[in-house]
């Protein structure tokens, strides 16, 4: 399939900066040898990181060197992508309060996948919790009026004060953002909430976050993986699901979104399927008229991101295996506070 690459003029029109003003920013490896890491969340009190990888969810103590433990295992395996294709298991992760971990599944077939919520302690478990032993199981969302094929590939999660929201990539004609109300600190029923594609005419909601004031749900539409520059950034009312504004970004495949807790700036990671050499971390400067995307640092197939309360940024990368290597190339990297 022919790859479409935007011209320099097209890049200028979309506001995509080709020269970074952040030459001193470095992504430092925290944990290497990970198998297709696709999600990261940080516990507000302990500072522990929870990282979704193909076979399991890990808990990582960000010491020097970092120490990792298996928090949840025994996930099955599914395959994602149009080429190359990747083995995947758990995908998105987020904290629900201090004692529960939300895991969006990608290990089963569409229409069978679940959102699982696990009880967690302040310390790593003596034995990992099996995937089937979740405290709460939400879904599945099977074929029906809302989703012709049923929903699956629950890629990313944003937690608000009244509900949490999950991007789903099952029925491509709708591009659902799902929602589960939070009642007395517990998750309610998982339901389709926003059909994004009919609103913005671009496929695949993936990255998602809440604005710092909690008044906007921010969604990155990845777009088609064989199309360059088609990712969009959308803002919705988290109560009604109404589209507030939508902008082109010039990025290829937005996979993760997060606001800096120190500056309030919005950042995105671009996986860039069409040309992974162009993947990286970008700052998104949003105005009423559009989005300017400024590259901060190059990354190797970045998939998810999360800031800790001090402003350090952690990012997961699928990575690229060296020829003949039998070691998983995925990494968890850290960018020091300052963004």
C-alpha atoms as a PDB file:
ATOM      1  CA  UNK A   1       0.000   0.000   0.000  1.00  0.00           C
ATOM      2  CA  UNK A   2       1.367   3.438  -0.975  1.00  0.00           C
ATOM      3  CA  UNK A   3       2.433   5.557   1.971  1.00  0.00           C
ATOM      4  CA  UNK A   4       1.170   9.124   1.951  1.00  0.00           C
ATOM      5  CA  UNK A   5       3.663  11.636   3.289  1.00  0.00           C
ATOM      6  CA  UNK A   6       2.683  15.299   3.757  1.00  0.00           C
ATOM      7  CA  UNK A   7       4.695  17.976   2.043  1.00  0.00           C
ATOM      8  CA  UNK A   8       6.568  20.636   3.983  1.00  0.00           C
ATOM      9  CA  UNK A   9       3.789  23.049   3.071  1.00  0.00           C
ATOM     10  CA  UNK A  10       1.186  20.701   4.485  1.00  0.00           C
ATOM     11  CA  UNK A  11       3.150  20.491   7.705  1.00  0.00           C
ATOM     12  CA  UNK A  12       3.181  24.252   7.991  1.00  0.00           C
ATOM     13  CA  UNK A  13      -0.540  24.431   7.332  1.00  0.00           C
ATOM     14  CA  UNK A  14      -1.308  22.026  10.163  1.00  0.00           C
ATOM     15  CA  UNK A  15       1.013  23.843  12.547  1.00  0.00           C
ATOM     16  CA  UNK A  16       3.398  20.897  12.973  1.00  0.00           C
ATOM     17  CA  UNK A  17       6.822  22.169  13.952  1.00  0.00           C
ATOM     18  CA  UNK A  18       9.718  20.323  12.324  1.00  0.00           C
ATOM     19  CA  UNK A  19      12.419  21.806  14.600  1.00  0.00           C
ATOM     20  CA  UNK A  20      12.311  21.169  18.343  1.00  0.00           C
ATOM     21  CA  UNK A  21      13.218  23.836  20.862  1.00  0.00           C
ATOM     22  CA  UNK A  22      13.815  21.104  23.456  1.00  0.00           C
ATOM     23  CA  UNK A  23      17.207  19.772  22.394  1.00  0.00           C
ATOM     24  CA  UNK A  24      18.241  19.087  26.002  1.00  0.00           C
ATOM     25  CA  UNK A  25      15.236  16.882  26.819  1.00  0.00           C
ATOM     26  CA  UNK A  26      16.263  13.254  27.240  1.00  0.00           C
ATOM     27  CA  UNK A  27      14.217  10.077  27.571  1.00  0.00           C
ATOM     28  CA  UNK A  28      16.081   7.932  30.107  1.00  0.00           C
ATOM     29  CA  UNK A  29      15.342   4.178  30.263  1.00  0.00           C
ATOM     30  CA  UNK A  30      13.714   3.042  33.510  1.00  0.00           C
ATOM     31  CA  UNK A  31      12.894  -0.545  32.554  1.00  0.00           C
ATOM     32  CA  UNK A  32      13.898  -2.453  29.418  1.00  0.00           C
ATOM     33  CA  UNK A  33      13.094  -5.829  27.871  1.00  0.00           C
ATOM     34  CA  UNK A  34       9.323  -5.272  28.015  1.00  0.00           C
ATOM     35  CA  UNK A  35       6.929  -7.158  25.741  1.00  0.00           C
ATOM     36  CA  UNK A  36       4.757  -4.654  23.850  1.00  0.00           C
ATOM     37  CA  UNK A  37       4.041  -2.235  26.736  1.00  0.00           C
ATOM     38  CA  UNK A  38       0.895  -0.261  25.954  1.00  0.00           C
ATOM     39  CA  UNK A  39      -0.292   1.486  29.113  1.00  0.00           C
ATOM     40  CA  UNK A  40       1.089   3.273  32.170  1.00  0.00           C
ATOM     41  CA  UNK A  41      -0.530   4.751  35.284  1.00  0.00           C
ATOM     42  CA  UNK A  42       0.948   6.185  38.475  1.00  0.00           C
ATOM     43  CA  UNK A  43      -0.358   5.773  42.013  1.00  0.00           C
ATOM     44  CA  UNK A  44      -0.737   9.235  43.528  1.00  0.00           C
ATOM     45  CA  UNK A  45       0.350   8.213  47.039  1.00  0.00           C
ATOM     46  CA  UNK A  46       2.970   5.491  46.579  1.00  0.00           C
ATOM     47  CA  UNK A  47       4.424   6.699  43.289  1.00  0.00           C
ATOM     48  CA  UNK A  48       4.315   3.110  42.002  1.00  0.00           C
ATOM     49  CA  UNK A  49       3.864   2.755  38.257  1.00  0.00           C
ATOM     50  CA  UNK A  50       1.520   0.207  36.736  1.00  0.00           C
ATOM     51  CA  UNK A  51       2.581  -0.857  33.240  1.00  0.00           C
ATOM     52  CA  UNK A  52       0.466  -2.968  30.890  1.00  0.00           C
ATOM     53  CA  UNK A  53       2.525  -5.361  28.780  1.00  0.00           C
ATOM     54  CA  UNK A  54       1.523  -8.184  26.459  1.00  0.00           C
ATOM     55  CA  UNK A  55       1.424 -10.959  29.084  1.00  0.00           C
ATOM     56  CA  UNK A  56       0.793  -9.059  32.318  1.00  0.00           C
ATOM     57  CA  UNK A  57       0.409  -5.826  34.249  1.00  0.00           C
ATOM     58  CA  UNK A  58       3.598  -4.921  36.124  1.00  0.00           C
ATOM     59  CA  UNK A  59       4.033  -2.766  39.212  1.00  0.00           C
ATOM     60  CA  UNK A  60       7.235  -0.743  39.046  1.00  0.00           C
ATOM     61  CA  UNK A  61       8.867   0.955  42.004  1.00  0.00           C
ATOM     62  CA  UNK A  62      10.723   3.930  40.471  1.00  0.00           C
ATOM     63  CA  UNK A  63      13.876   3.389  42.489  1.00  0.00           C
ATOM     64  CA  UNK A  64      17.405   3.394  41.062  1.00  0.00           C
ATOM     65  CA  UNK A  65      17.529   0.852  39.576  1.00  0.00           C
ATOM     66  CA  UNK A  66      13.795   0.341  39.148  1.00  0.00           C
ATOM     67  CA  UNK A  67      12.239  -2.776  40.660  1.00  0.00           C
ATOM     68  CA  UNK A  68       9.365  -4.512  38.889  1.00  0.00           C
ATOM     69  CA  UNK A  69       6.807  -7.016  40.140  1.00  0.00           C
ATOM     70  CA  UNK A  70       3.981  -8.845  38.393  1.00  0.00           C
ATOM     71  CA  UNK A  71       0.706  -7.389  39.656  1.00  0.00           C
ATOM     72  CA  UNK A  72      -1.796  -9.171  37.351  1.00  0.00           C
ATOM     73  CA  UNK A  73      -1.085 -12.061  35.014  1.00  0.00           C
ATOM     74  CA  UNK A  74      -2.690 -14.953  33.105  1.00  0.00           C
ATOM     75  CA  UNK A  75      -4.086 -12.777  30.324  1.00  0.00           C
ATOM     76  CA  UNK A  76      -4.744 -14.408  26.983  1.00  0.00           C
ATOM     77  CA  UNK A  77      -3.297 -13.105  23.707  1.00  0.00           C
ATOM     78  CA  UNK A  78      -4.852 -11.313  20.753  1.00  0.00           C
ATOM     79  CA  UNK A  79      -3.256  -9.669  17.726  1.00  0.00           C
ATOM     80  CA  UNK A  80      -3.485  -5.967  16.823  1.00  0.00           C
ATOM     81  CA  UNK A  81      -2.510  -4.021  13.722  1.00  0.00           C
ATOM     82  CA  UNK A  82      -2.777  -4.155   9.958  1.00  0.00           C
ATOM     83  CA  UNK A  83       0.933  -4.705   9.397  1.00  0.00           C
ATOM     84  CA  UNK A  84       3.071  -5.146  11.275  1.00  0.00           C
ATOM     85  CA  UNK A  85       0.907  -7.063  13.723  1.00  0.00           C
ATOM     86  CA  UNK A  86       1.612  -7.303  17.443  1.00  0.00           C
ATOM     87  CA  UNK A  87       0.671  -9.689  20.238  1.00  0.00           C
ATOM     88  CA  UNK A  88      -1.332  -7.806  22.850  1.00  0.00           C
ATOM     89  CA  UNK A  89      -2.927  -8.511  26.208  1.00  0.00           C
ATOM     90  CA  UNK A  90      -3.953  -5.802  28.690  1.00  0.00           C
ATOM     91  CA  UNK A  91      -3.874  -2.329  27.143  1.00  0.00           C
ATOM     92  CA  UNK A  92      -5.019   0.756  29.048  1.00  0.00           C
ATOM     93  CA  UNK A  93      -4.492   1.140  32.810  1.00  0.00           C
ATOM     94  CA  UNK A  94      -5.674   3.757  35.305  1.00  0.00           C
ATOM     95  CA  UNK A  95      -6.154   4.144  39.055  1.00  0.00           C
ATOM     96  CA  UNK A  96      -9.641   4.312  40.545  1.00  0.00           C
ATOM     97  CA  UNK A  97      -8.925   5.932  43.885  1.00  0.00           C
ATOM     98  CA  UNK A  98      -6.067   4.460  45.909  1.00  0.00           C
ATOM     99  CA  UNK A  99      -7.222   0.844  46.083  1.00  0.00           C
ATOM    100  CA  UNK A 100      -8.365  -0.155  42.606  1.00  0.00           C
ATOM    101  CA  UNK A 101      -6.636  -0.547  39.253  1.00  0.00           C
ATOM    102  CA  UNK A 102      -8.676  -0.343  36.038  1.00  0.00           C
ATOM    103  CA  UNK A 103      -7.378  -2.481  33.166  1.00  0.00           C
ATOM    104  CA  UNK A 104      -8.759  -2.228  29.645  1.00  0.00           C
ATOM    105  CA  UNK A 105      -8.401  -5.592  27.949  1.00  0.00           C
ATOM    106  CA  UNK A 106      -7.129  -6.388  24.481  1.00  0.00           C
ATOM    107  CA  UNK A 107      -6.478 -10.097  24.972  1.00  0.00           C
ATOM    108  CA  UNK A 108      -9.783 -11.478  23.701  1.00  0.00           C
ATOM    109  CA  UNK A 109     -11.807 -11.156  20.519  1.00  0.00           C
ATOM    110  CA  UNK A 110     -13.902  -8.053  19.938  1.00  0.00           C
ATOM    111  CA  UNK A 111     -17.360  -8.365  21.557  1.00  0.00           C
ATOM    112  CA  UNK A 112     -15.864 -10.597  24.267  1.00  0.00           C
ATOM    113  CA  UNK A 113     -13.358  -8.240  25.876  1.00  0.00           C
ATOM    114  CA  UNK A 114     -13.806  -6.825  29.357  1.00  0.00           C
ATOM    115  CA  UNK A 115     -12.759  -3.892  31.448  1.00  0.00           C
ATOM    116  CA  UNK A 116     -11.415  -5.377  34.674  1.00  0.00           C
ATOM    117  CA  UNK A 117     -11.014  -3.567  37.999  1.00  0.00           C
ATOM    118  CA  UNK A 118      -8.586  -5.103  40.501  1.00  0.00           C
ATOM    119  CA  UNK A 119      -8.186  -4.457  44.206  1.00  0.00           C
ATOM    120  CA  UNK A 120      -4.600  -3.422  44.917  1.00  0.00           C
ATOM    121  CA  UNK A 121      -2.582  -2.846  48.055  1.00  0.00           C
ATOM    122  CA  UNK A 122       0.075  -0.316  48.959  1.00  0.00           C
ATOM    123  CA  UNK A 123       2.742  -2.950  48.261  1.00  0.00           C
ATOM    124  CA  UNK A 124       3.197  -5.530  45.487  1.00  0.00           C
ATOM    125  CA  UNK A 125       1.211  -8.746  46.045  1.00  0.00           C
ATOM    126  CA  UNK A 126       2.985 -11.856  47.311  1.00  0.00           C
ATOM    127  CA  UNK A 127       1.464 -13.666  44.336  1.00  0.00           C
ATOM    128  CA  UNK A 128       0.134 -12.023  41.162  1.00  0.00           C
ATOM    129  CA  UNK A 129      -3.628 -11.725  40.794  1.00  0.00           C
ATOM    130  CA  UNK A 130      -4.971 -13.761  37.871  1.00  0.00           C
ATOM    131  CA  UNK A 131      -6.766 -11.774  35.190  1.00  0.00           C
ATOM    132  CA  UNK A 132     -10.003 -13.667  35.790  1.00  0.00           C
ATOM    133  CA  UNK A 133      -9.978 -12.739  39.497  1.00  0.00           C
ATOM    134  CA  UNK A 134     -10.880  -9.091  39.074  1.00  0.00           C
ATOM    135  CA  UNK A 135     -12.984  -7.452  41.771  1.00  0.00           C
ATOM    136  CA  UNK A 136     -15.249  -6.041  39.046  1.00  0.00           C
ATOM    137  CA  UNK A 137     -15.746  -7.085  35.429  1.00  0.00           C
ATOM    138  CA  UNK A 138     -17.403  -4.601  33.093  1.00  0.00           C
ATOM    139  CA  UNK A 139     -18.808  -5.663  29.738  1.00  0.00           C
ATOM    140  CA  UNK A 140     -18.604  -7.257  27.319  1.00  0.00           C
ATOM    141  CA  UNK A 141     -20.354  -5.063  24.774  1.00  0.00           C
ATOM    142  CA  UNK A 142     -21.569  -7.453  22.121  1.00  0.00           C
ATOM    143  CA  UNK A 143     -23.022  -6.821  18.675  1.00  0.00           C
ATOM    144  CA  UNK A 144     -26.140  -4.713  18.729  1.00  0.00           C
ATOM    145  CA  UNK A 145     -27.700  -1.433  17.715  1.00  0.00           C
ATOM    146  CA  UNK A 146     -24.852   0.647  19.169  1.00  0.00           C
ATOM    147  CA  UNK A 147     -21.995  -1.481  17.850  1.00  0.00           C
ATOM    148  CA  UNK A 148     -22.562  -3.716  14.860  1.00  0.00           C
ATOM    149  CA  UNK A 149     -19.538  -5.916  15.586  1.00  0.00           C
ATOM    150  CA  UNK A 150     -19.250  -5.404  19.328  1.00  0.00           C
ATOM    151  CA  UNK A 151     -16.484  -3.558  21.125  1.00  0.00           C
ATOM    152  CA  UNK A 152     -12.903  -4.457  21.981  1.00  0.00           C
ATOM    153  CA  UNK A 153      -9.313  -3.228  22.216  1.00  0.00           C
ATOM    154  CA  UNK A 154      -9.959  -1.006  25.219  1.00  0.00           C
ATOM    155  CA  UNK A 155      -6.919   1.092  24.643  1.00  0.00           C
ATOM    156  CA  UNK A 156      -6.788   4.011  27.080  1.00  0.00           C
ATOM    157  CA  UNK A 157      -8.620   5.248  30.179  1.00  0.00           C
ATOM    158  CA  UNK A 158      -9.378   8.665  31.665  1.00  0.00           C
ATOM    159  CA  UNK A 159     -10.814   8.924  35.180  1.00  0.00           C
ATOM    160  CA  UNK A 160     -13.041  11.843  36.111  1.00  0.00           C
ATOM    161  CA  UNK A 161     -14.804  12.701  39.370  1.00  0.00           C
ATOM    162  CA  UNK A 162     -18.085  11.054  38.358  1.00  0.00           C
ATOM    163  CA  UNK A 163     -17.132   8.470  35.736  1.00  0.00           C
ATOM    164  CA  UNK A 164     -14.285   6.941  33.825  1.00  0.00           C
ATOM    165  CA  UNK A 165     -13.993   6.825  30.065  1.00  0.00           C
ATOM    166  CA  UNK A 166     -12.366   4.262  27.774  1.00  0.00           C
ATOM    167  CA  UNK A 167     -11.457   4.394  24.103  1.00  0.00           C
ATOM    168  CA  UNK A 168     -12.561   1.337  22.144  1.00  0.00           C
ATOM    169  CA  UNK A 169     -11.583   0.102  18.693  1.00  0.00           C
ATOM    170  CA  UNK A 170     -14.202  -2.506  17.863  1.00  0.00           C
ATOM    171  CA  UNK A 171     -16.783  -1.081  15.461  1.00  0.00           C
ATOM    172  CA  UNK A 172     -14.809   1.227  13.158  1.00  0.00           C
ATOM    173  CA  UNK A 173     -17.971   2.879  11.849  1.00  0.00           C
ATOM    174  CA  UNK A 174     -18.687   4.443  15.256  1.00  0.00           C
ATOM    175  CA  UNK A 175     -15.351   4.798  17.090  1.00  0.00           C
ATOM    176  CA  UNK A 176     -16.837   4.595  20.559  1.00  0.00           C
ATOM    177  CA  UNK A 177     -15.684   6.207  23.749  1.00  0.00           C
ATOM    178  CA  UNK A 178     -17.231   4.098  26.528  1.00  0.00           C
ATOM    179  CA  UNK A 179     -18.274   5.282  29.962  1.00  0.00           C
ATOM    180  CA  UNK A 180     -18.772   3.763  33.415  1.00  0.00           C
ATOM    181  CA  UNK A 181     -20.233   5.880  36.199  1.00  0.00           C
ATOM    182  CA  UNK A 182     -18.479   5.862  39.571  1.00  0.00           C
ATOM    183  CA  UNK A 183     -20.898   5.241  42.430  1.00  0.00           C
ATOM    184  CA  UNK A 184     -19.569   5.224  46.011  1.00  0.00           C
ATOM    185  CA  UNK A 185     -16.073   4.645  44.626  1.00  0.00           C
ATOM    186  CA  UNK A 186     -17.172   1.609  42.602  1.00  0.00           C
ATOM    187  CA  UNK A 187     -17.639   1.224  38.839  1.00  0.00           C
ATOM    188  CA  UNK A 188     -21.098   1.090  37.317  1.00  0.00           C
ATOM    189  CA  UNK A 189     -22.197  -0.450  34.027  1.00  0.00           C
ATOM    190  CA  UNK A 190     -19.989   0.000  30.970  1.00  0.00           C
ATOM    191  CA  UNK A 191     -21.940   1.689  28.158  1.00  0.00           C
ATOM    192  CA  UNK A 192     -21.230   3.293  24.765  1.00  0.00           C
ATOM    193  CA  UNK A 193     -21.071   7.064  25.340  1.00  0.00           C
ATOM    194  CA  UNK A 194     -19.626   9.023  22.387  1.00  0.00           C
ATOM    195  CA  UNK A 195     -19.643   7.786  18.791  1.00  0.00           C
ATOM    196  CA  UNK A 196     -16.628   9.817  17.682  1.00  0.00           C
ATOM    197  CA  UNK A 197     -16.283   8.943  13.993  1.00  0.00           C
ATOM    198  CA  UNK A 198     -19.651  10.369  12.871  1.00  0.00           C
ATOM    199  CA  UNK A 199     -18.668  13.624  14.615  1.00  0.00           C
ATOM    200  CA  UNK A 200     -15.102  14.095  13.354  1.00  0.00           C
ATOM    201  CA  UNK A 201     -14.953  11.823  10.266  1.00  0.00           C
ATOM    202  CA  UNK A 202     -11.729  10.164  11.412  1.00  0.00           C
ATOM    203  CA  UNK A 203     -11.304   6.639  12.722  1.00  0.00           C
ATOM    204  CA  UNK A 204      -9.917   5.180  15.924  1.00  0.00           C
ATOM    205  CA  UNK A 205     -10.163   7.055  19.227  1.00  0.00           C
ATOM    206  CA  UNK A 206      -7.075   5.983  21.192  1.00  0.00           C
ATOM    207  CA  UNK A 207      -5.428   8.528  23.498  1.00  0.00           C
ATOM    208  CA  UNK A 208      -7.704  10.075  26.135  1.00  0.00           C
ATOM    209  CA  UNK A 209      -7.369  12.344  29.163  1.00  0.00           C
ATOM    210  CA  UNK A 210      -9.301  14.830  31.289  1.00  0.00           C
ATOM    211  CA  UNK A 211      -8.543  18.554  31.253  1.00  0.00           C
ATOM    212  CA  UNK A 212      -6.980  19.774  34.519  1.00  0.00           C
ATOM    213  CA  UNK A 213     -10.249  21.430  35.579  1.00  0.00           C
ATOM    214  CA  UNK A 214     -12.240  18.267  34.819  1.00  0.00           C
ATOM    215  CA  UNK A 215     -14.548  20.132  32.447  1.00  0.00           C
ATOM    216  CA  UNK A 216     -13.379  18.598  29.174  1.00  0.00           C
ATOM    217  CA  UNK A 217     -12.749  15.075  27.969  1.00  0.00           C
ATOM    218  CA  UNK A 218      -9.867  15.169  25.493  1.00  0.00           C
ATOM    219  CA  UNK A 219      -9.588  12.460  22.829  1.00  0.00           C
ATOM    220  CA  UNK A 220      -6.906  11.773  20.245  1.00  0.00           C
ATOM    221  CA  UNK A 221      -8.281  10.250  17.051  1.00  0.00           C
ATOM    222  CA  UNK A 222      -5.466   8.055  15.727  1.00  0.00           C
ATOM    223  CA  UNK A 223      -6.824   7.922  12.188  1.00  0.00           C
ATOM    224  CA  UNK A 224      -5.816   5.340   9.603  1.00  0.00           C
ATOM    225  CA  UNK A 225      -2.431   3.775  10.297  1.00  0.00           C
ATOM    226  CA  UNK A 226      -1.420   3.972   6.612  1.00  0.00           C
ATOM    227  CA  UNK A 227      -2.254   7.678   6.359  1.00  0.00           C
ATOM    228  CA  UNK A 228       0.178  10.397   7.436  1.00  0.00           C
ATOM    229  CA  UNK A 229      -0.920  13.513   9.264  1.00  0.00           C
ATOM    230  CA  UNK A 230      -4.572  12.555   9.828  1.00  0.00           C
ATOM    231  CA  UNK A 231      -4.694  12.457  13.651  1.00  0.00           C
ATOM    232  CA  UNK A 232      -7.141  14.851  15.263  1.00  0.00           C
ATOM    233  CA  UNK A 233      -7.637  16.281  18.741  1.00  0.00           C
ATOM    234  CA  UNK A 234     -11.203  16.512  20.064  1.00  0.00           C
ATOM    235  CA  UNK A 235     -12.728  18.073  23.184  1.00  0.00           C
ATOM    236  CA  UNK A 236     -16.033  16.826  24.618  1.00  0.00           C
ATOM    237  CA  UNK A 237     -18.320  17.671  27.507  1.00  0.00           C
ATOM    238  CA  UNK A 238     -17.818  14.747  29.947  1.00  0.00           C
ATOM    239  CA  UNK A 239     -21.409  15.023  31.174  1.00  0.00           C
ATOM    240  CA  UNK A 240     -23.290  15.118  27.867  1.00  0.00           C
ATOM    241  CA  UNK A 241     -20.736  13.832  25.360  1.00  0.00           C
ATOM    242  CA  UNK A 242     -21.261  16.943  23.206  1.00  0.00           C
ATOM    243  CA  UNK A 243     -18.379  17.828  20.901  1.00  0.00           C
ATOM    244  CA  UNK A 244     -16.930  21.196  21.950  1.00  0.00           C
ATOM    245  CA  UNK A 245     -14.180  21.555  19.348  1.00  0.00           C
ATOM    246  CA  UNK A 246     -12.059  19.431  17.042  1.00  0.00           C
ATOM    247  CA  UNK A 247      -8.745  20.237  15.381  1.00  0.00           C
ATOM    248  CA  UNK A 248      -6.316  18.652  12.943  1.00  0.00           C
ATOM    249  CA  UNK A 249      -2.869  18.170  14.477  1.00  0.00           C
ATOM    250  CA  UNK A 250      -0.594  17.108  11.625  1.00  0.00           C
ATOM    251  CA  UNK A 251       0.479  14.112  13.713  1.00  0.00           C
ATOM    252  CA  UNK A 252       0.318  10.602  12.299  1.00  0.00           C
ATOM    253  CA  UNK A 253      -1.072   8.409  15.109  1.00  0.00           C
ATOM    254  CA  UNK A 254      -1.805   9.925  18.522  1.00  0.00           C
ATOM    255  CA  UNK A 255      -1.572   7.040  21.004  1.00  0.00           C
ATOM    256  CA  UNK A 256      -1.466   8.843  24.357  1.00  0.00           C
ATOM    257  CA  UNK A 257      -2.363  12.194  25.904  1.00  0.00           C
ATOM    258  CA  UNK A 258      -1.557  13.833  29.254  1.00  0.00           C
ATOM    259  CA  UNK A 259      -1.451  17.267  30.867  1.00  0.00           C
ATOM    260  CA  UNK A 260       1.605  18.376  32.817  1.00  0.00           C
ATOM    261  CA  UNK A 261       0.622  18.879  36.473  1.00  0.00           C
ATOM    262  CA  UNK A 262       3.149  21.718  36.761  1.00  0.00           C
ATOM    263  CA  UNK A 263       2.478  23.819  33.652  1.00  0.00           C
ATOM    264  CA  UNK A 264      -0.953  22.643  32.513  1.00  0.00           C
ATOM    265  CA  UNK A 265       0.430  22.068  29.006  1.00  0.00           C
ATOM    266  CA  UNK A 266      -1.014  19.224  26.927  1.00  0.00           C
ATOM    267  CA  UNK A 267       1.329  16.551  25.532  1.00  0.00           C
ATOM    268  CA  UNK A 268       0.844  13.685  23.091  1.00  0.00           C
ATOM    269  CA  UNK A 269       2.839  10.682  21.980  1.00  0.00           C
ATOM    270  CA  UNK A 270       2.703   9.844  18.279  1.00  0.00           C
ATOM    271  CA  UNK A 271       3.284   6.178  17.427  1.00  0.00           C
ATOM    272  CA  UNK A 272       3.570   7.082  13.718  1.00  0.00           C
ATOM    273  CA  UNK A 273       2.789   3.728  12.095  1.00  0.00           C
ATOM    274  CA  UNK A 274       3.366   5.127   8.604  1.00  0.00           C
ATOM    275  CA  UNK A 275       6.973   6.043   9.421  1.00  0.00           C
ATOM    276  CA  UNK A 276       8.060   5.115  12.947  1.00  0.00           C
ATOM    277  CA  UNK A 277      11.213   7.241  12.680  1.00  0.00           C
ATOM    278  CA  UNK A 278       8.912  10.246  13.048  1.00  0.00           C
ATOM    279  CA  UNK A 279       7.362   9.025  16.313  1.00  0.00           C
ATOM    280  CA  UNK A 280       7.896  10.903  19.529  1.00  0.00           C
ATOM    281  CA  UNK A 281       6.618  13.197  22.259  1.00  0.00           C
ATOM    282  CA  UNK A 282       4.903  16.423  21.200  1.00  0.00           C
ATOM    283  CA  UNK A 283       3.580  19.454  23.034  1.00  0.00           C
ATOM    284  CA  UNK A 284       0.156  20.472  21.728  1.00  0.00           C
ATOM    285  CA  UNK A 285      -0.522  24.193  21.937  1.00  0.00           C
ATOM    286  CA  UNK A 286      -4.283  24.542  21.526  1.00  0.00           C
ATOM    287  CA  UNK A 287      -6.103  27.728  20.559  1.00  0.00           C
ATOM    288  CA  UNK A 288      -9.607  28.383  19.290  1.00  0.00           C
ATOM    289  CA  UNK A 289      -8.257  28.365  15.753  1.00  0.00           C
ATOM    290  CA  UNK A 290      -6.168  25.199  15.846  1.00  0.00           C
ATOM    291  CA  UNK A 291      -3.351  23.103  17.272  1.00  0.00           C
ATOM    292  CA  UNK A 292       0.384  23.609  16.950  1.00  0.00           C
ATOM    293  CA  UNK A 293       2.317  20.382  17.586  1.00  0.00           C
ATOM    294  CA  UNK A 294       5.930  20.886  18.646  1.00  0.00           C
ATOM    295  CA  UNK A 295       8.238  17.878  18.840  1.00  0.00           C
ATOM    296  CA  UNK A 296      10.019  17.468  22.162  1.00  0.00           C
ATOM    297  CA  UNK A 297      11.958  14.237  21.667  1.00  0.00           C
ATOM    298  CA  UNK A 298      11.996  11.282  19.272  1.00  0.00           C
ATOM    299  CA  UNK A 299      10.768   7.928  20.605  1.00  0.00           C
ATOM    300  CA  UNK A 300      10.577   4.392  19.203  1.00  0.00           C
ATOM    301  CA  UNK A 301       6.873   3.548  18.773  1.00  0.00           C
ATOM    302  CA  UNK A 302       5.546   5.280  21.921  1.00  0.00           C
ATOM    303  CA  UNK A 303       2.206   3.956  23.148  1.00  0.00           C
ATOM    304  CA  UNK A 304       1.172   5.615  26.437  1.00  0.00           C
ATOM    305  CA  UNK A 305       2.210   8.293  28.914  1.00  0.00           C
ATOM    306  CA  UNK A 306       1.606   9.517  32.471  1.00  0.00           C
ATOM    307  CA  UNK A 307       2.958  12.320  34.652  1.00  0.00           C
ATOM    308  CA  UNK A 308       3.692  11.842  38.344  1.00  0.00           C
ATOM    309  CA  UNK A 309       2.817  14.578  40.841  1.00  0.00           C
ATOM    310  CA  UNK A 310       6.349  16.024  40.688  1.00  0.00           C
ATOM    311  CA  UNK A 311       6.024  16.479  36.932  1.00  0.00           C
ATOM    312  CA  UNK A 312       8.220  13.575  35.793  1.00  0.00           C
ATOM    313  CA  UNK A 313       6.846  12.010  32.626  1.00  0.00           C
ATOM    314  CA  UNK A 314       6.845   8.236  32.031  1.00  0.00           C
ATOM    315  CA  UNK A 315       6.299   6.820  28.545  1.00  0.00           C
ATOM    316  CA  UNK A 316       5.985   3.270  27.227  1.00  0.00           C
ATOM    317  CA  UNK A 317       7.581   2.314  23.911  1.00  0.00           C
ATOM    318  CA  UNK A 318       7.038  -0.824  21.829  1.00  0.00           C
ATOM    319  CA  UNK A 319      10.572  -0.412  20.524  1.00  0.00           C
ATOM    320  CA  UNK A 320      12.256  -2.114  17.585  1.00  0.00           C
ATOM    321  CA  UNK A 321      14.079  -5.403  18.050  1.00  0.00           C
ATOM    322  CA  UNK A 322      17.616  -5.707  16.718  1.00  0.00           C
ATOM    323  CA  UNK A 323      17.981  -8.235  13.922  1.00  0.00           C
ATOM    324  CA  UNK A 324      18.264 -11.723  15.395  1.00  0.00           C
ATOM    325  CA  UNK A 325      17.498 -10.555  18.934  1.00  0.00           C
ATOM    326  CA  UNK A 326      15.285 -12.746  21.112  1.00  0.00           C
ATOM    327  CA  UNK A 327      14.836 -10.061  23.774  1.00  0.00           C
ATOM    328  CA  UNK A 328      11.637  -8.006  23.839  1.00  0.00           C
ATOM    329  CA  UNK A 329      12.529  -4.440  22.758  1.00  0.00           C
ATOM    330  CA  UNK A 330       9.885  -2.566  24.748  1.00  0.00           C
ATOM    331  CA  UNK A 331      10.872   0.049  27.310  1.00  0.00           C
ATOM    332  CA  UNK A 332       9.565   2.330  30.009  1.00  0.00           C
ATOM    333  CA  UNK A 333      11.374   5.667  29.829  1.00  0.00           C
ATOM    334  CA  UNK A 334      11.382   8.785  31.996  1.00  0.00           C
ATOM    335  CA  UNK A 335      11.649  12.459  31.124  1.00  0.00           C
ATOM    336  CA  UNK A 336      12.584  14.575  34.137  1.00  0.00           C
ATOM    337  CA  UNK A 337      10.236  17.242  35.455  1.00  0.00           C
ATOM    338  CA  UNK A 338      10.258  20.507  33.565  1.00  0.00           C
ATOM    339  CA  UNK A 339       7.741  20.115  30.751  1.00  0.00           C
END
